[in-house]
Amino acid sequence: MTVSFRLATVMLLFCTSRAPNAGVTCYEGNVFPEEVEWMRQGSGTALRWLEGSWFVQEIRAWYDPPVMTGGDHDSYLAHLSAYAGAPFFAEWRMMSDAPASEVDHHNGAALLTMVGGPTTYHFNMANGLARLIRGYQFPGLYFFIEPDVPHIYRLEVFGGDWFELWIDGILAAADVPEGIFPTPDALMSFGGLYYLSGHTTRWDYVRYGRIPLDGSGDYDSNGKLDGQDFYFFHECLTDARVGINGGPANDAGPGCRFADFDADGDVDLRDMAAFQLAFTGGE
C-alpha cells in the first residue's frame, strides 16, 4: 500500500502549543512548559533540561536529613474550562526514579492532579508504583508497574457518570466519579515534589481534551483531518513505544479508538487507507 508523500512528511510535526479552542491541548515535552502557556509554580530551584522529546526535572533536597527536611517543588498549571461538560481525557507518558515509599506521601514523587468543584483526581507516580486518589472519601488505589521504563496513563471521564483509568492500554480502575468533571473552574497540574527522597522525573507528553469520536480520525475534534491528526494517528500504527500496542491484530487501546476506521479493534494499513481518503490537508 502506498502512503502519499504529503502524509508521510507530516510525521515530523509536533504539537507544541496549547489550542483550547480545538478539542485537545498537548504538551510534547520538547520545550519547557512555560513556553507554551503552562504556568510554572513551586520553588523555582529544581534543575530542568530537555532530552530530545523529554522534559526532565531533577527534584533535590534542600537540607541534609534528619536535621531538617524539605526540597524542590516544580509543577505546571493549566485551566480546563474550555473542556467543561465534554467527555474528557487526560493522557501522559512519563517515568520517574522516585522510590516507591514517596507514593504514600500525598505530595511526594511525580504528581499529576486534576481538580474541579468537589471532584479530584490525584496521581502519585514513582519507580514501580503508582497511586490514584479520587476524592478523600475514597481509599487510594495502588498499582504496581514495571520499574525503569516509561508508562502511559490515561484517564477518561464521562461527566459525573463514569470514569476509567488505563495504564499502558490496560484498564486499571473504573467507577462512578465523586462528581462532574471537568467543571468551568477545573485545573490540571503536573510536576515533581520532594518529600523524603530526591528523584529525577521525565515527561514525554501531557495531552488532554475532548475524547474524539471512535473511527473519526479526528484526534483534536476540530472537524478536519490534517497533519496534527496524522501525527497522533501514526503513533497508533506502531508497537515500538511502551504503552502503544498498534499494528495489525493488536488492540491499540482507548487512546487509539479514533484511528480505528473499520472498528476491528486494531489500527493497521486498512485504517491508514481510510485516513488518506478522508484527509483534508493542512496542519
Protein backbone atom coordinates (compact mmCIF):
# COMPACT_ATOMS: atom_id res chain seq x y z
CA MET A 1 0.00 0.00 0.00
CA THR A 2 1.38 3.40 -0.99
CA VAL A 3 1.38 6.23 1.53
CA SER A 4 1.36 9.62 -0.11
CA PHE A 5 4.38 11.88 0.39
CA ARG A 6 2.08 14.56 1.78
CA LEU A 7 1.05 12.35 4.68
CA ALA A 8 4.46 10.80 5.21
CA THR A 9 6.09 14.18 5.77
CA VAL A 10 3.67 15.39 8.43
CA MET A 11 5.09 12.81 10.81
CA LEU A 12 7.67 15.50 11.55
CA LEU A 13 5.09 17.81 13.10
CA PHE A 14 4.96 18.36 16.84
CA CYS A 15 2.11 19.83 18.82
CA THR A 16 3.94 22.34 20.98
CA SER A 17 1.23 24.88 21.70
CA ARG A 18 -1.97 24.91 23.64
CA ALA A 19 -5.08 25.23 21.49
CA PRO A 20 -8.11 25.25 23.80
CA ASN A 21 -10.46 26.33 21.01
CA ALA A 22 -9.88 22.97 19.37
CA GLY A 23 -10.74 19.71 21.06
CA VAL A 24 -7.34 18.88 22.51
CA THR A 25 -4.37 20.53 24.18
CA CYS A 26 -0.98 18.86 24.06
CA TYR A 27 2.44 19.37 25.56
CA GLU A 28 5.00 17.19 23.79
CA GLY A 29 7.98 17.63 26.11
CA ASN A 30 10.28 19.24 23.53
CA VAL A 31 10.11 22.76 25.03
CA PHE A 32 9.84 23.99 28.60
CA PRO A 33 6.17 24.02 29.70
CA GLU A 34 6.05 27.74 30.43
CA GLU A 35 6.98 28.42 26.80
CA VAL A 36 3.60 27.00 25.74
CA GLU A 37 1.46 28.74 28.33
CA TRP A 38 1.65 26.38 31.30
CA MET A 39 2.04 28.41 34.49
CA ARG A 40 5.11 27.41 36.47
CA GLN A 41 4.68 27.03 40.22
CA GLY A 42 6.85 25.96 43.10
CA SER A 43 10.26 26.81 44.48
CA GLY A 44 11.94 27.55 41.16
CA THR A 45 15.04 25.71 42.37
CA ALA A 46 14.67 22.34 40.58
CA LEU A 47 17.14 21.56 37.84
CA ARG A 48 15.45 21.17 34.43
CA TRP A 49 16.56 20.28 30.94
CA LEU A 50 15.34 18.85 27.63
CA GLU A 51 16.45 15.49 26.22
CA GLY A 52 15.03 15.21 22.72
CA SER A 53 11.28 14.95 23.24
CA TRP A 54 11.58 14.59 27.03
CA PHE A 55 11.23 17.29 29.67
CA VAL A 56 13.38 16.31 32.67
CA GLN A 57 13.13 17.52 36.26
CA GLU A 58 15.68 16.83 38.98
CA ILE A 59 13.96 17.22 42.35
CA ARG A 60 16.55 17.71 45.11
CA ALA A 61 16.71 18.05 48.90
CA TRP A 62 17.48 21.46 50.35
CA TYR A 63 18.95 20.12 53.59
CA ASP A 64 20.69 17.05 54.90
CA PRO A 65 18.12 14.90 56.76
CA PRO A 66 17.43 14.10 59.52
CA VAL A 67 18.48 17.55 60.73
CA MET A 68 15.91 19.25 58.51
CA THR A 69 13.73 18.19 55.61
CA GLY A 70 12.47 19.98 52.57
CA GLY A 71 13.28 20.25 48.90
CA ASP A 72 12.29 21.25 45.40
CA HIS A 73 8.76 21.72 44.15
CA ASP A 74 8.39 22.18 40.40
CA SER A 75 4.91 21.99 38.83
CA TYR A 76 2.94 23.41 35.91
CA LEU A 77 -0.68 24.54 35.89
CA ALA A 78 -3.32 24.77 33.14
CA HIS A 79 -7.01 25.70 33.12
CA LEU A 80 -9.53 23.15 31.80
CA SER A 81 -12.53 25.48 31.44
CA ALA A 82 -12.54 25.08 27.64
CA TYR A 83 -13.50 21.43 28.09
CA ALA A 84 -16.23 21.80 30.72
CA GLY A 85 -19.12 19.44 30.05
CA ALA A 86 -17.34 17.39 27.38
CA PRO A 87 -16.36 13.71 27.60
CA PHE A 88 -12.81 14.33 28.78
CA PHE A 89 -9.48 12.53 28.61
CA ALA A 90 -6.05 13.20 30.04
CA GLU A 91 -3.10 11.12 28.89
CA TRP A 92 0.53 11.38 29.90
CA ARG A 93 3.67 9.35 29.30
CA MET A 94 6.42 9.58 31.89
CA MET A 95 8.89 7.78 34.09
CA SER A 96 10.44 8.54 37.47
CA ASP A 97 13.16 7.05 39.61
CA ALA A 98 11.46 8.22 42.82
CA PRO A 99 11.41 5.42 45.43
CA ALA A 100 8.05 3.76 45.90
CA SER A 101 7.98 4.97 49.52
CA GLU A 102 7.36 8.52 48.27
CA VAL A 103 3.96 7.49 46.88
CA ASP A 104 2.47 7.08 50.35
CA HIS A 105 3.07 10.76 50.99
CA HIS A 106 0.33 12.77 49.33
CA ASN A 107 2.73 15.35 47.91
CA GLY A 108 5.75 13.20 47.13
CA ALA A 109 7.23 11.83 43.91
CA ALA A 110 5.89 12.76 40.46
CA LEU A 111 2.39 14.20 40.56
CA LEU A 112 -0.48 14.88 38.22
CA THR A 113 -3.60 16.41 39.75
CA MET A 114 -6.96 17.49 38.33
CA VAL A 115 -9.44 19.43 40.43
CA GLY A 116 -12.85 20.83 39.55
CA GLY A 117 -15.57 21.73 42.03
CA PRO A 118 -15.79 18.88 44.54
CA THR A 119 -14.07 16.38 42.23
CA THR A 120 -10.38 15.49 42.50
CA TYR A 121 -8.13 13.09 40.62
CA HIS A 122 -4.67 12.98 42.18
CA PHE A 123 -1.90 10.71 40.86
CA ASN A 124 1.42 9.91 42.54
CA MET A 125 3.92 8.06 40.34
CA ALA A 126 7.24 6.52 41.34
CA ASN A 127 9.56 3.78 40.10
CA GLY A 128 7.45 0.63 40.22
CA LEU A 129 4.34 2.03 41.91
CA ALA A 130 1.53 4.46 41.14
CA ARG A 131 -1.45 5.63 43.19
CA LEU A 132 -4.77 7.26 42.35
CA ILE A 133 -6.74 9.29 44.88
CA ARG A 134 -10.17 10.25 43.57
CA GLY A 135 -11.54 12.32 46.40
CA TYR A 136 -10.72 11.95 50.05
CA GLN A 137 -13.83 9.95 50.92
CA PHE A 138 -12.36 7.02 48.95
CA PRO A 139 -9.28 4.94 49.74
CA GLY A 140 -6.26 5.34 47.49
CA LEU A 141 -5.84 2.81 44.70
CA TYR A 142 -2.33 1.38 44.23
CA PHE A 143 -0.91 -0.06 41.01
CA PHE A 144 2.34 -1.99 40.64
CA ILE A 145 4.08 -1.05 37.39
CA GLU A 146 7.25 -2.24 35.70
CA PRO A 147 10.20 -0.19 37.02
CA ASP A 148 12.74 1.70 34.93
CA VAL A 149 10.55 2.10 31.84
CA PRO A 150 8.08 4.82 30.81
CA HIS A 151 4.36 4.25 31.25
CA ILE A 152 1.28 5.75 29.63
CA TYR A 153 -1.52 6.78 31.97
CA ARG A 154 -4.91 7.69 30.55
CA LEU A 155 -7.95 8.95 32.42
CA GLU A 156 -11.32 9.10 30.67
CA VAL A 157 -14.19 10.91 32.42
CA PHE A 158 -17.79 10.94 31.25
CA GLY A 159 -19.25 13.82 33.23
CA GLY A 160 -20.48 12.58 36.59
CA ASP A 161 -21.49 9.14 35.29
CA TRP A 162 -18.29 7.13 34.91
CA PHE A 163 -14.50 7.29 34.82
CA GLU A 164 -11.83 4.86 33.63
CA LEU A 165 -8.10 4.77 34.37
CA TRP A 166 -5.90 2.94 31.86
CA ILE A 167 -2.21 2.15 32.38
CA ASP A 168 -0.30 1.07 29.28
CA GLY A 169 -3.55 0.28 27.49
CA ILE A 170 -4.88 -1.95 30.31
CA LEU A 171 -7.94 -0.96 32.30
CA ALA A 172 -6.72 -0.38 35.87
CA ALA A 173 -9.77 1.17 37.55
CA ALA A 174 -13.33 2.20 36.68
CA ASP A 175 -16.15 3.54 38.83
CA VAL A 176 -18.72 6.28 39.35
CA PRO A 177 -16.87 9.60 39.93
CA GLU A 178 -17.11 11.71 43.03
CA GLY A 179 -18.81 14.37 40.90
CA ILE A 180 -18.96 16.04 37.49
CA PHE A 181 -15.65 16.76 35.78
CA PRO A 182 -14.38 18.90 34.17
CA THR A 183 -16.23 21.93 35.52
CA PRO A 184 -15.72 25.55 34.40
CA ASP A 185 -13.26 26.09 37.25
CA ALA A 186 -11.29 22.86 36.67
CA LEU A 187 -7.49 22.88 36.79
CA MET A 188 -4.68 20.45 35.96
CA SER A 189 -1.11 20.44 37.20
CA PHE A 190 1.86 18.13 36.71
CA GLY A 191 5.38 18.05 38.07
CA GLY A 192 7.58 16.78 40.86
CA LEU A 193 7.79 17.41 44.60
CA TYR A 194 10.36 16.40 47.19
CA TYR A 195 9.14 14.75 50.38
CA LEU A 196 11.85 12.47 51.80
CA SER A 197 13.83 11.49 48.71
CA GLY A 198 15.21 13.27 45.69
CA HIS A 199 14.34 11.96 42.25
CA THR A 200 14.52 12.57 38.52
CA THR A 201 11.29 12.56 36.51
CA ARG A 202 10.93 12.54 32.73
CA TRP A 203 7.78 13.66 30.91
CA ASP A 204 7.37 12.61 27.29
CA TYR A 205 3.99 14.31 26.90
CA VAL A 206 0.87 15.54 28.66
CA ARG A 207 -2.28 15.66 26.49
CA TYR A 208 -5.87 16.38 27.41
CA GLY A 209 -9.20 17.41 25.98
CA ARG A 210 -12.36 16.11 24.38
CA ILE A 211 -12.47 12.36 23.76
CA PRO A 212 -12.53 12.06 19.94
CA LEU A 213 -15.23 10.06 18.21
CA ASP A 214 -14.36 6.42 17.54
CA GLY A 215 -13.22 5.86 13.95
CA SER A 216 -13.25 9.55 13.08
CA GLY A 217 -9.50 10.01 12.62
CA ASP A 218 -10.08 13.45 14.16
CA TYR A 219 -7.81 13.38 17.22
CA ASP A 220 -8.32 17.04 18.07
CA SER A 221 -12.09 17.04 17.33
CA ASN A 222 -11.87 20.14 15.13
CA GLY A 223 -13.88 18.76 12.22
CA LYS A 224 -11.00 18.19 9.79
CA LEU A 225 -8.28 15.60 9.28
CA ASP A 226 -4.92 17.29 8.94
CA GLY A 227 -1.24 16.93 9.77
CA GLN A 228 -1.72 17.13 13.50
CA ASP A 229 -4.24 14.28 13.42
CA PHE A 230 -1.79 12.20 11.39
CA TYR A 231 0.97 12.78 13.93
CA PHE A 232 -1.17 11.03 16.56
CA PHE A 233 -2.61 8.53 14.07
CA HIS A 234 0.93 7.40 13.24
CA GLU A 235 1.61 6.60 16.91
CA CYS A 236 -1.27 4.14 16.76
CA LEU A 237 0.30 2.28 13.82
CA THR A 238 3.38 1.17 15.75
CA ASP A 239 4.09 -1.02 18.75
CA ALA A 240 7.59 0.41 19.18
CA ARG A 241 6.66 2.57 22.21
CA VAL A 242 5.86 1.17 25.64
CA GLY A 243 2.11 1.50 26.18
CA ILE A 244 1.24 1.83 22.48
CA ASN A 245 0.14 -1.50 21.04
CA GLY A 246 -0.52 -0.53 17.45
CA GLY A 247 -0.37 -2.58 14.30
CA PRO A 248 -2.39 -5.46 12.83
CA ALA A 249 -4.22 -7.73 15.30
CA ASN A 250 -3.12 -5.68 18.31
CA ASP A 251 -5.64 -3.85 20.46
CA ALA A 252 -4.25 -0.33 20.33
CA GLY A 253 -6.11 0.72 23.47
CA PRO A 254 -8.50 3.54 24.29
CA GLY A 255 -6.21 6.31 23.04
CA CYS A 256 -6.35 4.92 19.52
CA ARG A 257 -10.05 4.22 19.02
CA PHE A 258 -10.26 7.42 16.98
CA ALA A 259 -7.85 5.83 14.45
CA ASP A 260 -9.74 2.53 14.07
CA PHE A 261 -11.80 3.37 10.98
CA ASP A 262 -13.04 -0.18 10.36
CA ALA A 263 -13.88 -0.84 14.04
CA ASP A 264 -11.98 -4.14 14.19
CA GLY A 265 -10.04 -3.27 17.36
CA ASP A 266 -6.63 -2.56 15.81
CA VAL A 267 -5.04 0.19 13.73
CA ASP A 268 -3.42 -1.06 10.53
CA LEU A 269 -2.90 -0.16 6.87
CA ARG A 270 -6.62 -0.53 6.12
CA ASP A 271 -7.23 2.28 8.59
CA MET A 272 -4.33 4.17 7.02
CA ALA A 273 -6.04 3.94 3.63
CA ALA A 274 -9.28 5.25 5.11
CA PHE A 275 -7.41 8.12 6.74
CA GLN A 276 -5.81 9.04 3.40
CA LEU A 277 -9.20 9.17 1.71
CA ALA A 278 -10.61 11.41 4.45
CA PHE A 279 -7.52 13.63 4.75
CA THR A 280 -8.41 17.30 4.29
CA GLY A 281 -4.86 18.71 4.35
CA GLY A 282 -3.24 21.48 6.36
CA GLU A 283 -1.58 21.47 9.75
